[in-house]
Amino acid sequence: MPAPAARAVAYLWALPVTLVGVLAALVGRLGGARLSWRDGVLEAAGGPLAPLLRRGYPPMAIAAITLGHVVLAQGQDDLERTRAHERVHVRQFERYGPLFPLLYLGASVAARCRGGDLYRDNRFEREARAAEGAG
């Protein structure tokens, strides 16, 4: 498949989750979040996203989260610091589309069943952390 066609398919495959992310970003924008388009990804930071992500899922706050081709972050510094990591999640959404959230959850359960941590030992998070050093 030619490159432009492959990109279009990747965007369409991730679209159901991307739409959720776009909605969250637009709601965030109404509250003062900053939106920007970078490398084919909508990034949103600040405003009401900061306290929402800061609460996170115990025991950790979320600096940034990827929903398809949208990255939501507490602040601009979090976007910069996590960009390589979150771009791996964008590619995972392109690969697995709307199935990715279920696969991610399954990987967390599998990690816990092996005696590991739900987040740190999730195979998708390990892949994203590996990219941090490479970027």
Foldseek 3Di string as FASTA:
>chain_A
DDPVVLVVLLLVLQVVQVVVQVVVQVVQVVQPWDWDADPNAIETEAGPLQVVQCVPDPPGGHQWDDGQRYIYGHHPVSCVLLVQLVVLVNVVCSVRGPCVVVLLQVQLVVQVVVVHHSQPRRPSNVVSVVRSVVD
